[in-house]
Amino acid sequence: MKKDLASPSKLKKESITEINDNLVSYMNTMAKVDPTTYEATAKTMAELIDKNNELVKRRKKQRWQTANWFKAKAKGFTLCEALCFLMIPLQARD
């Protein structure tokens, strides 16, 4: 029975594909055809997608900064000390 279940990663990928390929295109088309009905929803969707994309970019940048900080400053620490440093927010470290 478990073989029939999709993994969360696969579901996420399928959802993103469905949203990008079908829903966004449909809403953009409908916003042009009937702006009074669909324009506000299409605009809200675009804003949410932009905001989400910006958050993803920030997370990637923060991971990169954390890794570089750790390489530069945490040499010679024990594993426990290193893990404690990783839990401190990046801004509080320097």
N, C-alpha and C. Protein backbone atom coordinates (compact mmCIF):
# COMPACT_ATOMS: atom_id res chain seq x y z
N MET A 1 0.82 -1.20 0.00
CA MET A 1 0.00 0.00 0.00
C MET A 1 0.87 1.27 0.00
N LYS A 2 1.96 1.25 0.74
CA LYS A 2 2.81 2.44 0.81
C LYS A 2 3.46 2.75 -0.53
N LYS A 3 3.58 1.77 -1.39
CA LYS A 3 4.20 2.00 -2.69
C LYS A 3 3.39 2.97 -3.53
N ASP A 4 2.10 3.09 -3.25
CA ASP A 4 1.23 3.97 -4.03
C ASP A 4 1.33 5.43 -3.59
N LEU A 5 1.92 5.67 -2.43
CA LEU A 5 2.01 7.02 -1.90
C LEU A 5 3.17 7.78 -2.54
N ALA A 6 2.92 9.02 -2.88
CA ALA A 6 3.97 9.87 -3.45
C ALA A 6 4.76 10.51 -2.32
N SER A 7 6.02 10.74 -2.55
CA SER A 7 6.86 11.40 -1.55
C SER A 7 6.50 12.88 -1.49
N PRO A 8 6.76 13.52 -0.35
CA PRO A 8 6.50 14.96 -0.26
C PRO A 8 7.26 15.77 -1.31
N SER A 9 8.48 15.37 -1.61
CA SER A 9 9.26 16.09 -2.63
C SER A 9 8.60 16.00 -4.00
N LYS A 10 8.10 14.82 -4.31
CA LYS A 10 7.44 14.63 -5.60
C LYS A 10 6.14 15.44 -5.66
N LEU A 11 5.38 15.44 -4.57
CA LEU A 11 4.14 16.22 -4.52
C LEU A 11 4.43 17.71 -4.66
N LYS A 12 5.48 18.19 -4.00
CA LYS A 12 5.85 19.60 -4.10
C LYS A 12 6.21 19.96 -5.54
N LYS A 13 7.02 19.11 -6.17
CA LYS A 13 7.43 19.38 -7.53
C LYS A 13 6.24 19.41 -8.48
N GLU A 14 5.33 18.45 -8.33
CA GLU A 14 4.13 18.40 -9.16
C GLU A 14 3.24 19.62 -8.93
N SER A 15 3.13 20.04 -7.67
CA SER A 15 2.30 21.21 -7.34
C SER A 15 2.86 22.48 -7.95
N ILE A 16 4.16 22.65 -7.84
CA ILE A 16 4.80 23.85 -8.40
C ILE A 16 4.64 23.87 -9.92
N THR A 17 4.82 22.71 -10.54
CA THR A 17 4.65 22.63 -12.00
C THR A 17 3.22 22.97 -12.39
N GLU A 18 2.26 22.43 -11.68
CA GLU A 18 0.85 22.69 -11.98
C GLU A 18 0.52 24.17 -11.81
N ILE A 19 1.00 24.76 -10.73
CA ILE A 19 0.74 26.19 -10.49
C ILE A 19 1.37 27.04 -11.58
N ASN A 20 2.66 26.80 -11.86
CA ASN A 20 3.37 27.62 -12.84
C ASN A 20 2.85 27.44 -14.26
N ASP A 21 2.60 26.21 -14.64
CA ASP A 21 2.22 25.93 -16.03
C ASP A 21 0.74 26.21 -16.32
N ASN A 22 -0.11 25.98 -15.35
CA ASN A 22 -1.54 26.08 -15.63
C ASN A 22 -2.24 27.23 -14.91
N LEU A 23 -2.13 27.28 -13.61
CA LEU A 23 -2.90 28.27 -12.85
C LEU A 23 -2.45 29.70 -13.14
N VAL A 24 -1.16 29.95 -13.12
CA VAL A 24 -0.66 31.30 -13.37
C VAL A 24 -1.00 31.74 -14.79
N SER A 25 -0.80 30.86 -15.75
CA SER A 25 -1.14 31.20 -17.14
C SER A 25 -2.63 31.48 -17.29
N TYR A 26 -3.44 30.64 -16.67
CA TYR A 26 -4.89 30.82 -16.74
C TYR A 26 -5.31 32.17 -16.14
N MET A 27 -4.77 32.47 -14.96
CA MET A 27 -5.14 33.72 -14.29
C MET A 27 -4.68 34.94 -15.09
N ASN A 28 -3.51 34.87 -15.67
CA ASN A 28 -3.02 35.99 -16.50
C ASN A 28 -3.92 36.19 -17.72
N THR A 29 -4.32 35.09 -18.33
CA THR A 29 -5.21 35.18 -19.50
C THR A 29 -6.57 35.74 -19.09
N MET A 30 -7.12 35.24 -18.01
CA MET A 30 -8.44 35.69 -17.57
C MET A 30 -8.41 37.14 -17.11
N ALA A 31 -7.29 37.57 -16.55
CA ALA A 31 -7.17 38.98 -16.14
C ALA A 31 -7.22 39.91 -17.35
N LYS A 32 -6.75 39.42 -18.50
CA LYS A 32 -6.82 40.22 -19.73
C LYS A 32 -8.23 40.17 -20.33
N VAL A 33 -8.88 39.01 -20.24
CA VAL A 33 -10.21 38.83 -20.83
C VAL A 33 -11.29 39.55 -20.02
N ASP A 34 -11.22 39.39 -18.69
CA ASP A 34 -12.24 39.98 -17.80
C ASP A 34 -11.55 40.61 -16.58
N PRO A 35 -10.94 41.78 -16.77
CA PRO A 35 -10.16 42.40 -15.71
C PRO A 35 -10.94 42.67 -14.41
N THR A 36 -12.20 43.05 -14.54
CA THR A 36 -12.96 43.38 -13.32
C THR A 36 -13.10 42.17 -12.40
N THR A 37 -13.16 41.00 -12.96
CA THR A 37 -13.34 39.79 -12.15
C THR A 37 -12.02 39.18 -11.70
N TYR A 38 -11.01 39.15 -12.57
CA TYR A 38 -9.80 38.37 -12.30
C TYR A 38 -8.54 39.17 -12.00
N GLU A 39 -8.52 40.45 -12.31
CA GLU A 39 -7.28 41.21 -12.19
C GLU A 39 -6.74 41.26 -10.76
N ALA A 40 -7.60 41.48 -9.79
CA ALA A 40 -7.14 41.57 -8.40
C ALA A 40 -6.55 40.24 -7.93
N THR A 41 -7.20 39.15 -8.28
CA THR A 41 -6.70 37.83 -7.88
C THR A 41 -5.37 37.52 -8.56
N ALA A 42 -5.26 37.84 -9.85
CA ALA A 42 -4.01 37.61 -10.58
C ALA A 42 -2.88 38.44 -9.98
N LYS A 43 -3.19 39.68 -9.62
CA LYS A 43 -2.18 40.55 -9.01
C LYS A 43 -1.74 40.02 -7.65
N THR A 44 -2.69 39.56 -6.86
CA THR A 44 -2.37 38.99 -5.54
C THR A 44 -1.50 37.75 -5.69
N MET A 45 -1.84 36.90 -6.64
CA MET A 45 -1.02 35.70 -6.89
C MET A 45 0.39 36.09 -7.28
N ALA A 46 0.54 37.06 -8.15
CA ALA A 46 1.87 37.50 -8.59
C ALA A 46 2.68 38.05 -7.41
N GLU A 47 2.03 38.81 -6.54
CA GLU A 47 2.72 39.37 -5.37
C GLU A 47 3.16 38.26 -4.42
N LEU A 48 2.29 37.27 -4.20
CA LEU A 48 2.64 36.15 -3.31
C LEU A 48 3.80 35.34 -3.88
N ILE A 49 3.78 35.10 -5.17
CA ILE A 49 4.87 34.35 -5.81
C ILE A 49 6.18 35.13 -5.71
N ASP A 50 6.13 36.44 -5.96
CA ASP A 50 7.34 37.27 -5.85
C ASP A 50 7.88 37.27 -4.43
N LYS A 51 7.00 37.39 -3.46
CA LYS A 51 7.42 37.40 -2.06
C LYS A 51 8.06 36.06 -1.68
N ASN A 52 7.44 34.97 -2.10
CA ASN A 52 7.99 33.65 -1.81
C ASN A 52 9.36 33.47 -2.47
N ASN A 53 9.50 33.89 -3.71
CA ASN A 53 10.79 33.79 -4.39
C ASN A 53 11.87 34.58 -3.68
N GLU A 54 11.52 35.75 -3.18
CA GLU A 54 12.48 36.58 -2.44
C GLU A 54 12.91 35.89 -1.14
N LEU A 55 11.97 35.26 -0.45
CA LEU A 55 12.30 34.54 0.79
C LEU A 55 13.24 33.37 0.50
N VAL A 56 13.01 32.67 -0.58
CA VAL A 56 13.88 31.55 -0.94
C VAL A 56 15.29 32.06 -1.24
N LYS A 57 15.40 33.18 -1.97
CA LYS A 57 16.71 33.75 -2.27
C LYS A 57 17.44 34.13 -0.99
N ARG A 58 16.73 34.73 -0.03
CA ARG A 58 17.35 35.12 1.23
C ARG A 58 17.85 33.92 2.01
N ARG A 59 17.05 32.82 2.04
CA ARG A 59 17.47 31.61 2.75
C ARG A 59 18.74 31.04 2.13
N LYS A 60 18.80 31.00 0.80
CA LYS A 60 19.99 30.47 0.13
C LYS A 60 21.20 31.34 0.45
N LYS A 61 21.03 32.67 0.43
CA LYS A 61 22.13 33.58 0.73
C LYS A 61 22.58 33.41 2.17
N GLN A 62 21.65 33.26 3.10
CA GLN A 62 21.99 33.12 4.51
C GLN A 62 22.75 31.81 4.75
N ARG A 63 22.34 30.71 4.10
CA ARG A 63 23.06 29.44 4.23
C ARG A 63 24.49 29.60 3.74
N TRP A 64 24.66 30.29 2.61
CA TRP A 64 25.99 30.49 2.06
C TRP A 64 26.84 31.32 3.02
N GLN A 65 26.28 32.39 3.58
CA GLN A 65 27.01 33.24 4.51
C GLN A 65 27.39 32.47 5.77
N THR A 66 26.47 31.64 6.27
CA THR A 66 26.74 30.84 7.46
C THR A 66 27.89 29.87 7.19
N ALA A 67 27.86 29.21 6.06
CA ALA A 67 28.92 28.26 5.72
C ALA A 67 30.27 28.96 5.61
N ASN A 68 30.32 30.11 4.99
CA ASN A 68 31.58 30.85 4.85
C ASN A 68 32.07 31.36 6.20
N TRP A 69 31.16 31.85 7.04
CA TRP A 69 31.55 32.32 8.36
C TRP A 69 32.14 31.17 9.16
N PHE A 70 31.46 30.04 9.09
CA PHE A 70 31.90 28.88 9.84
C PHE A 70 33.28 28.43 9.39
N LYS A 71 33.53 28.40 8.09
CA LYS A 71 34.84 27.99 7.57
C LYS A 71 35.93 28.94 8.05
N ALA A 72 35.62 30.22 8.09
CA ALA A 72 36.63 31.23 8.43
C ALA A 72 36.91 31.31 9.93
N LYS A 73 35.88 31.12 10.77
CA LYS A 73 36.05 31.43 12.19
C LYS A 73 35.98 30.24 13.14
N ALA A 74 35.48 29.11 12.70
CA ALA A 74 35.21 28.03 13.64
C ALA A 74 36.23 26.90 13.56
N LYS A 75 37.39 27.13 13.00
CA LYS A 75 38.40 26.08 12.92
C LYS A 75 38.93 25.75 14.31
N GLY A 76 39.10 24.48 14.56
CA GLY A 76 39.64 24.05 15.85
C GLY A 76 38.61 23.88 16.94
N PHE A 77 37.35 24.15 16.66
CA PHE A 77 36.31 23.98 17.67
C PHE A 77 35.90 22.51 17.75
N THR A 78 35.40 22.11 18.90
CA THR A 78 34.83 20.77 19.02
C THR A 78 33.50 20.74 18.28
N LEU A 79 32.99 19.56 18.05
CA LEU A 79 31.71 19.43 17.35
C LEU A 79 30.60 20.14 18.13
N CYS A 80 30.59 20.00 19.44
CA CYS A 80 29.57 20.64 20.26
C CYS A 80 29.65 22.16 20.15
N GLU A 81 30.85 22.71 20.23
CA GLU A 81 31.02 24.16 20.10
C GLU A 81 30.58 24.65 18.73
N ALA A 82 30.93 23.89 17.70
CA ALA A 82 30.55 24.28 16.34
C ALA A 82 29.04 24.28 16.18
N LEU A 83 28.37 23.28 16.72
CA LEU A 83 26.90 23.22 16.62
C LEU A 83 26.26 24.37 17.38
N CYS A 84 26.81 24.73 18.52
CA CYS A 84 26.27 25.87 19.28
C CYS A 84 26.40 27.16 18.48
N PHE A 85 27.54 27.36 17.81
CA PHE A 85 27.72 28.55 16.99
C PHE A 85 26.74 28.60 15.83
N LEU A 86 26.43 27.45 15.25
CA LEU A 86 25.49 27.43 14.13
C LEU A 86 24.09 27.81 14.55
N MET A 87 23.77 27.66 15.83
CA MET A 87 22.43 28.01 16.30
C MET A 87 22.30 29.50 16.61
N ILE A 88 23.41 30.22 16.68
CA ILE A 88 23.38 31.66 16.94
C ILE A 88 23.05 32.37 15.64
N PRO A 89 22.13 33.32 15.64
CA PRO A 89 21.82 34.04 14.40
C PRO A 89 23.06 34.71 13.84
N LEU A 90 23.15 34.77 12.52
CA LEU A 90 24.32 35.29 11.83
C LEU A 90 24.69 36.70 12.27
N GLN A 91 23.69 37.58 12.48
CA GLN A 91 23.96 38.96 12.84
C GLN A 91 24.63 39.06 14.22
N ALA A 92 24.36 38.13 15.12
CA ALA A 92 24.89 38.21 16.48
C ALA A 92 26.30 37.67 16.58
N ARG A 93 26.81 37.06 15.55
CA ARG A 93 28.13 36.41 15.64
C ARG A 93 29.29 37.38 15.53
N ASP A 94 29.17 38.39 14.72
CA ASP A 94 30.32 39.28 14.48
C ASP A 94 30.32 40.51 15.35
